[in-house]
Amino acid sequence: NNGYRDIKAISIHKAIEIVKQGGVSDDVCELRLLKGYKFLHETSCGYVFDMQNGFKYCPYCGKKIKVVG
């Protein structure tokens, strides 16, 4: 378990799956806590980051962040 590299690999894998499915059509990017982590969050487009940065817009897809769950 290498931490950051694992998270980056998960993000890349999810981004590839989203593209294969035709992309994200919503006007918001949903944000939820990443399972097994206390401070890491994942967006619906597959971006993983520490919510302490306080992003209002997803740094990966540029859509407004909507916190869910």
PDB file of N, CA and C in Angstrom:
ATOM      1  N   ASN A   1       0.842  -1.177   0.000  1.00  0.00           N
ATOM      2  CA  ASN A   1       0.000   0.000   0.000  1.00  0.00           C
ATOM      3  C   ASN A   1       0.885   1.237   0.000  1.00  0.00           C
ATOM      4  N   ASN A   2       0.835   2.004  -1.061  1.00  0.00           N
ATOM      5  CA  ASN A   2       1.717   3.148  -1.222  1.00  0.00           C
ATOM      6  C   ASN A   2       0.990   4.482  -1.056  1.00  0.00           C
ATOM      7  N   GLY A   3      -0.244   4.486  -0.595  1.00  0.00           N
ATOM      8  CA  GLY A   3      -0.953   5.727  -0.324  1.00  0.00           C
ATOM      9  C   GLY A   3      -1.241   6.563  -1.540  1.00  0.00           C
ATOM     10  N   TYR A   4      -0.428   7.577  -1.771  1.00  0.00           N
ATOM     11  CA  TYR A   4      -0.666   8.538  -2.846  1.00  0.00           C
ATOM     12  C   TYR A   4      -0.712   7.863  -4.210  1.00  0.00           C
ATOM     13  N   ARG A   5       0.213   6.975  -4.485  1.00  0.00           N
ATOM     14  CA  ARG A   5       0.215   6.295  -5.785  1.00  0.00           C
ATOM     15  C   ARG A   5      -1.049   5.467  -5.982  1.00  0.00           C
ATOM     16  N   ASP A   6      -1.526   4.825  -4.922  1.00  0.00           N
ATOM     17  CA  ASP A   6      -2.760   4.045  -5.004  1.00  0.00           C
ATOM     18  C   ASP A   6      -3.936   4.944  -5.339  1.00  0.00           C
ATOM     19  N   ILE A   7      -4.013   6.088  -4.683  1.00  0.00           N
ATOM     20  CA  ILE A   7      -5.112   7.027  -4.910  1.00  0.00           C
ATOM     21  C   ILE A   7      -5.066   7.562  -6.331  1.00  0.00           C
ATOM     22  N   LYS A   8      -3.875   7.891  -6.817  1.00  0.00           N
ATOM     23  CA  LYS A   8      -3.725   8.394  -8.175  1.00  0.00           C
ATOM     24  C   LYS A   8      -4.145   7.324  -9.179  1.00  0.00           C
ATOM     25  N   ALA A   9      -3.774   6.080  -8.931  1.00  0.00           N
ATOM     26  CA  ALA A   9      -4.148   4.978  -9.820  1.00  0.00           C
ATOM     27  C   ALA A   9      -5.658   4.786  -9.838  1.00  0.00           C
ATOM     28  N   ILE A  10      -6.305   4.903  -8.679  1.00  0.00           N
ATOM     29  CA  ILE A  10      -7.759   4.783  -8.605  1.00  0.00           C
ATOM     30  C   ILE A  10      -8.405   5.902  -9.419  1.00  0.00           C
ATOM     31  N   SER A  11      -7.898   7.128  -9.277  1.00  0.00           N
ATOM     32  CA  SER A  11      -8.452   8.278  -9.995  1.00  0.00           C
ATOM     33  C   SER A  11      -8.337   8.101 -11.500  1.00  0.00           C
ATOM     34  N   ILE A  12      -7.184   7.671 -11.957  1.00  0.00           N
ATOM     35  CA  ILE A  12      -6.961   7.474 -13.393  1.00  0.00           C
ATOM     36  C   ILE A  12      -7.881   6.375 -13.916  1.00  0.00           C
ATOM     37  N   HIS A  13      -7.986   5.282 -13.171  1.00  0.00           N
ATOM     38  CA  HIS A  13      -8.844   4.174 -13.590  1.00  0.00           C
ATOM     39  C   HIS A  13     -10.300   4.632 -13.699  1.00  0.00           C
ATOM     40  N   LYS A  14     -10.782   5.380 -12.712  1.00  0.00           N
ATOM     41  CA  LYS A  14     -12.167   5.855 -12.739  1.00  0.00           C
ATOM     42  C   LYS A  14     -12.392   6.839 -13.880  1.00  0.00           C
ATOM     43  N   ALA A  15     -11.419   7.696 -14.145  1.00  0.00           N
ATOM     44  CA  ALA A  15     -11.546   8.650 -15.248  1.00  0.00           C
ATOM     45  C   ALA A  15     -11.668   7.914 -16.579  1.00  0.00           C
ATOM     46  N   ILE A  16     -10.901   6.859 -16.755  1.00  0.00           N
ATOM     47  CA  ILE A  16     -10.975   6.061 -17.979  1.00  0.00           C
ATOM     48  C   ILE A  16     -12.357   5.432 -18.112  1.00  0.00           C
ATOM     49  N   GLU A  17     -12.892   4.901 -17.020  1.00  0.00           N
ATOM     50  CA  GLU A  17     -14.219   4.289 -17.049  1.00  0.00           C
ATOM     51  C   GLU A  17     -15.294   5.322 -17.393  1.00  0.00           C
ATOM     52  N   ILE A  18     -15.188   6.526 -16.861  1.00  0.00           N
ATOM     53  CA  ILE A  18     -16.161   7.588 -17.149  1.00  0.00           C
ATOM     54  C   ILE A  18     -16.142   7.935 -18.630  1.00  0.00           C
ATOM     55  N   VAL A  19     -14.956   8.044 -19.200  1.00  0.00           N
ATOM     56  CA  VAL A  19     -14.826   8.366 -20.625  1.00  0.00           C
ATOM     57  C   VAL A  19     -15.421   7.247 -21.468  1.00  0.00           C
ATOM     58  N   LYS A  20     -15.153   6.005 -21.100  1.00  0.00           N
ATOM     59  CA  LYS A  20     -15.707   4.866 -21.838  1.00  0.00           C
ATOM     60  C   LYS A  20     -17.228   4.875 -21.823  1.00  0.00           C
ATOM     61  N   GLN A  21     -17.822   5.370 -20.732  1.00  0.00           N
ATOM     62  CA  GLN A  21     -19.274   5.402 -20.600  1.00  0.00           C
ATOM     63  C   GLN A  21     -19.889   6.648 -21.224  1.00  0.00           C
ATOM     64  N   GLY A  22     -19.088   7.504 -21.787  1.00  0.00           N
ATOM     65  CA  GLY A  22     -19.614   8.691 -22.459  1.00  0.00           C
ATOM     66  C   GLY A  22     -19.469   9.974 -21.681  1.00  0.00           C
ATOM     67  N   GLY A  23     -18.749   9.970 -20.581  1.00  0.00           N
ATOM     68  CA  GLY A  23     -18.492  11.186 -19.825  1.00  0.00           C
ATOM     69  C   GLY A  23     -19.527  11.453 -18.756  1.00  0.00           C
ATOM     70  N   VAL A  24     -19.381  12.582 -18.104  1.00  0.00           N
ATOM     71  CA  VAL A  24     -20.289  13.006 -17.033  1.00  0.00           C
ATOM     72  C   VAL A  24     -21.213  14.061 -17.615  1.00  0.00           C
ATOM     73  N   SER A  25     -22.524  13.853 -17.513  1.00  0.00           N
ATOM     74  CA  SER A  25     -23.459  14.781 -18.143  1.00  0.00           C
ATOM     75  C   SER A  25     -24.069  15.781 -17.160  1.00  0.00           C
ATOM     76  N   ASP A  26     -23.891  15.588 -15.876  1.00  0.00           N
ATOM     77  CA  ASP A  26     -24.458  16.503 -14.886  1.00  0.00           C
ATOM     78  C   ASP A  26     -23.717  17.829 -14.892  1.00  0.00           C
ATOM     79  N   ASP A  27     -24.378  18.871 -14.367  1.00  0.00           N
ATOM     80  CA  ASP A  27     -23.730  20.172 -14.270  1.00  0.00           C
ATOM     81  C   ASP A  27     -22.994  20.350 -12.948  1.00  0.00           C
ATOM     82  N   VAL A  28     -23.016  19.310 -12.092  1.00  0.00           N
ATOM     83  CA  VAL A  28     -22.278  19.340 -10.835  1.00  0.00           C
ATOM     84  C   VAL A  28     -21.409  18.089 -10.724  1.00  0.00           C
ATOM     85  N   CYS A  29     -20.410  18.196  -9.903  1.00  0.00           N
ATOM     86  CA  CYS A  29     -19.521  17.075  -9.625  1.00  0.00           C
ATOM     87  C   CYS A  29     -19.759  16.678  -8.165  1.00  0.00           C
ATOM     88  N   GLU A  30     -20.252  15.461  -7.947  1.00  0.00           N
ATOM     89  CA  GLU A  30     -20.589  15.027  -6.597  1.00  0.00           C
ATOM     90  C   GLU A  30     -19.333  14.653  -5.823  1.00  0.00           C
ATOM     91  N   LEU A  31     -19.322  15.004  -4.551  1.00  0.00           N
ATOM     92  CA  LEU A  31     -18.170  14.766  -3.684  1.00  0.00           C
ATOM     93  C   LEU A  31     -18.602  13.912  -2.507  1.00  0.00           C
ATOM     94  N   ARG A  32     -17.847  12.854  -2.243  1.00  0.00           N
ATOM     95  CA  ARG A  32     -18.133  12.012  -1.078  1.00  0.00           C
ATOM     96  C   ARG A  32     -16.827  11.540  -0.460  1.00  0.00           C
ATOM     97  N   LEU A  33     -16.902  11.172   0.821  1.00  0.00           N
ATOM     98  CA  LEU A  33     -15.742  10.690   1.557  1.00  0.00           C
ATOM     99  C   LEU A  33     -15.266   9.377   0.952  1.00  0.00           C
ATOM    100  N   LEU A  34     -13.984   9.238   0.731  1.00  0.00           N
ATOM    101  CA  LEU A  34     -13.396   8.025   0.175  1.00  0.00           C
ATOM    102  C   LEU A  34     -13.374   6.954   1.253  1.00  0.00           C
ATOM    103  N   LYS A  35     -13.925   5.797   0.958  1.00  0.00           N
ATOM    104  CA  LYS A  35     -14.005   4.714   1.947  1.00  0.00           C
ATOM    105  C   LYS A  35     -12.626   4.354   2.465  1.00  0.00           C
ATOM    106  N   GLY A  36     -12.545   4.211   3.790  1.00  0.00           N
ATOM    107  CA  GLY A  36     -11.298   3.813   4.424  1.00  0.00           C
ATOM    108  C   GLY A  36     -10.361   4.970   4.758  1.00  0.00           C
ATOM    109  N   TYR A  37     -10.757   6.192   4.447  1.00  0.00           N
ATOM    110  CA  TYR A  37      -9.926   7.367   4.722  1.00  0.00           C
ATOM    111  C   TYR A  37     -10.729   8.378   5.517  1.00  0.00           C
ATOM    112  N   LYS A  38     -10.056   9.128   6.378  1.00  0.00           N
ATOM    113  CA  LYS A  38     -10.743  10.122   7.202  1.00  0.00           C
ATOM    114  C   LYS A  38     -10.886  11.474   6.511  1.00  0.00           C
ATOM    115  N   PHE A  39      -9.897  11.859   5.724  1.00  0.00           N
ATOM    116  CA  PHE A  39      -9.891  13.206   5.173  1.00  0.00           C
ATOM    117  C   PHE A  39      -9.915  13.262   3.649  1.00  0.00           C
ATOM    118  N   LEU A  40      -9.759  12.131   2.984  1.00  0.00           N
ATOM    119  CA  LEU A  40      -9.740  12.140   1.526  1.00  0.00           C
ATOM    120  C   LEU A  40     -11.143  12.000   0.963  1.00  0.00           C
ATOM    121  N   HIS A  41     -11.435  12.799  -0.044  1.00  0.00           N
ATOM    122  CA  HIS A  41     -12.732  12.798  -0.694  1.00  0.00           C
ATOM    123  C   HIS A  41     -12.549  12.483  -2.176  1.00  0.00           C
ATOM    124  N   GLU A  42     -13.593  11.943  -2.773  1.00  0.00           N
ATOM    125  CA  GLU A  42     -13.561  11.593  -4.181  1.00  0.00           C
ATOM    126  C   GLU A  42     -14.741  12.247  -4.884  1.00  0.00           C
ATOM    127  N   THR A  43     -14.490  12.773  -6.071  1.00  0.00           N
ATOM    128  CA  THR A  43     -15.548  13.385  -6.861  1.00  0.00           C
ATOM    129  C   THR A  43     -16.119  12.350  -7.822  1.00  0.00           C
ATOM    130  N   SER A  44     -17.288  12.639  -8.379  1.00  0.00           N
ATOM    131  CA  SER A  44     -17.925  11.709  -9.308  1.00  0.00           C
ATOM    132  C   SER A  44     -17.134  11.558 -10.605  1.00  0.00           C
ATOM    133  N   CYS A  45     -16.242  12.492 -10.889  1.00  0.00           N
ATOM    134  CA  CYS A  45     -15.417  12.364 -12.090  1.00  0.00           C
ATOM    135  C   CYS A  45     -14.121  11.614 -11.815  1.00  0.00           C
ATOM    136  N   GLY A  46     -13.916  11.210 -10.546  1.00  0.00           N
ATOM    137  CA  GLY A  46     -12.765  10.377 -10.220  1.00  0.00           C
ATOM    138  C   GLY A  46     -11.591  11.092  -9.602  1.00  0.00           C
ATOM    139  N   TYR A  47     -11.717  12.379  -9.292  1.00  0.00           N
ATOM    140  CA  TYR A  47     -10.621  13.133  -8.683  1.00  0.00           C
ATOM    141  C   TYR A  47     -10.629  12.904  -7.174  1.00  0.00           C
ATOM    142  N   VAL A  48      -9.470  12.639  -6.593  1.00  0.00           N
ATOM    143  CA  VAL A  48      -9.352  12.390  -5.158  1.00  0.00           C
ATOM    144  C   VAL A  48      -8.498  13.498  -4.551  1.00  0.00           C
ATOM    145  N   PHE A  49      -8.999  14.109  -3.452  1.00  0.00           N
ATOM    146  CA  PHE A  49      -8.230  15.175  -2.807  1.00  0.00           C
ATOM    147  C   PHE A  49      -8.636  15.336  -1.352  1.00  0.00           C
ATOM    148  N   ASP A  50      -7.867  16.118  -0.645  1.00  0.00           N
ATOM    149  CA  ASP A  50      -8.109  16.435   0.762  1.00  0.00           C
ATOM    150  C   ASP A  50      -9.060  17.618   0.803  1.00  0.00           C
ATOM    151  N   MET A  51     -10.234  17.430   1.363  1.00  0.00           N
ATOM    152  CA  MET A  51     -11.259  18.471   1.363  1.00  0.00           C
ATOM    153  C   MET A  51     -10.834  19.719   2.116  1.00  0.00           C
ATOM    154  N   GLN A  52      -9.789  19.644   2.923  1.00  0.00           N
ATOM    155  CA  GLN A  52      -9.325  20.808   3.662  1.00  0.00           C
ATOM    156  C   GLN A  52      -8.889  21.936   2.735  1.00  0.00           C
ATOM    157  N   ASN A  53      -8.687  21.614   1.449  1.00  0.00           N
ATOM    158  CA  ASN A  53      -8.319  22.650   0.482  1.00  0.00           C
ATOM    159  C   ASN A  53      -9.486  23.584   0.193  1.00  0.00           C
ATOM    160  N   GLY A  54     -10.715  23.158   0.486  1.00  0.00           N
ATOM    161  CA  GLY A  54     -11.891  24.006   0.344  1.00  0.00           C
ATOM    162  C   GLY A  54     -12.270  24.360  -1.080  1.00  0.00           C
ATOM    163  N   PHE A  55     -12.122  23.449  -2.019  1.00  0.00           N
ATOM    164  CA  PHE A  55     -12.494  23.715  -3.403  1.00  0.00           C
ATOM    165  C   PHE A  55     -13.994  23.912  -3.541  1.00  0.00           C
ATOM    166  N   LYS A  56     -14.409  24.914  -4.298  1.00  0.00           N
ATOM    167  CA  LYS A  56     -15.815  25.100  -4.637  1.00  0.00           C
ATOM    168  C   LYS A  56     -16.099  24.490  -6.002  1.00  0.00           C
ATOM    169  N   TYR A  57     -15.055  24.383  -6.808  1.00  0.00           N
ATOM    170  CA  TYR A  57     -15.168  23.779  -8.129  1.00  0.00           C
ATOM    171  C   TYR A  57     -14.157  22.649  -8.228  1.00  0.00           C
ATOM    172  N   CYS A  58     -14.533  21.603  -8.918  1.00  0.00           N
ATOM    173  CA  CYS A  58     -13.657  20.442  -9.061  1.00  0.00           C
ATOM    174  C   CYS A  58     -12.423  20.822  -9.869  1.00  0.00           C
ATOM    175  N   PRO A  59     -11.238  20.580  -9.321  1.00  0.00           N
ATOM    176  CA  PRO A  59     -10.017  20.907 -10.061  1.00  0.00           C
ATOM    177  C   PRO A  59      -9.794  19.983 -11.255  1.00  0.00           C
ATOM    178  N   TYR A  60     -10.553  18.898 -11.338  1.00  0.00           N
ATOM    179  CA  TYR A  60     -10.375  17.924 -12.412  1.00  0.00           C
ATOM    180  C   TYR A  60     -11.280  18.220 -13.607  1.00  0.00           C
ATOM    181  N   CYS A  61     -12.579  18.462 -13.341  1.00  0.00           N
ATOM    182  CA  CYS A  61     -13.514  18.673 -14.457  1.00  0.00           C
ATOM    183  C   CYS A  61     -14.036  20.104 -14.535  1.00  0.00           C
ATOM    184  N   GLY A  62     -13.844  20.902 -13.468  1.00  0.00           N
ATOM    185  CA  GLY A  62     -14.255  22.301 -13.476  1.00  0.00           C
ATOM    186  C   GLY A  62     -15.695  22.562 -13.083  1.00  0.00           C
ATOM    187  N   LYS A  63     -16.453  21.495 -12.812  1.00  0.00           N
ATOM    188  CA  LYS A  63     -17.857  21.673 -12.424  1.00  0.00           C
ATOM    189  C   LYS A  63     -17.962  22.032 -10.951  1.00  0.00           C
ATOM    190  N   LYS A  64     -19.080  22.640 -10.566  1.00  0.00           N
ATOM    191  CA  LYS A  64     -19.318  22.997  -9.170  1.00  0.00           C
ATOM    192  C   LYS A  64     -19.447  21.731  -8.334  1.00  0.00           C
ATOM    193  N   ILE A  65     -18.842  21.724  -7.154  1.00  0.00           N
ATOM    194  CA  ILE A  65     -18.857  20.559  -6.278  1.00  0.00           C
ATOM    195  C   ILE A  65     -20.149  20.527  -5.470  1.00  0.00           C
ATOM    196  N   LYS A  66     -20.777  19.366  -5.439  1.00  0.00           N
ATOM    197  CA  LYS A  66     -21.961  19.117  -4.621  1.00  0.00           C
ATOM    198  C   LYS A  66     -21.613  17.988  -3.639  1.00  0.00           C
ATOM    199  N   VAL A  67     -21.659  18.286  -2.344  1.00  0.00           N
ATOM    200  CA  VAL A  67     -21.321  17.301  -1.320  1.00  0.00           C
ATOM    201  C   VAL A  67     -22.516  16.368  -1.136  1.00  0.00           C
ATOM    202  N   VAL A  68     -22.268  15.067  -1.215  1.00  0.00           N
ATOM    203  CA  VAL A  68     -23.301  14.046  -1.017  1.00  0.00           C
ATOM    204  C   VAL A  68     -22.820  13.036  -0.001  1.00  0.00           C
ATOM    205  N   GLY A  69     -23.777  12.369   0.634  1.00  0.00           N
ATOM    206  CA  GLY A  69     -23.477  11.297   1.571  1.00  0.00           C
ATOM    207  C   GLY A  69     -22.614  11.654   2.659  1.00  0.00           C
TER     208      GLY A  69
END
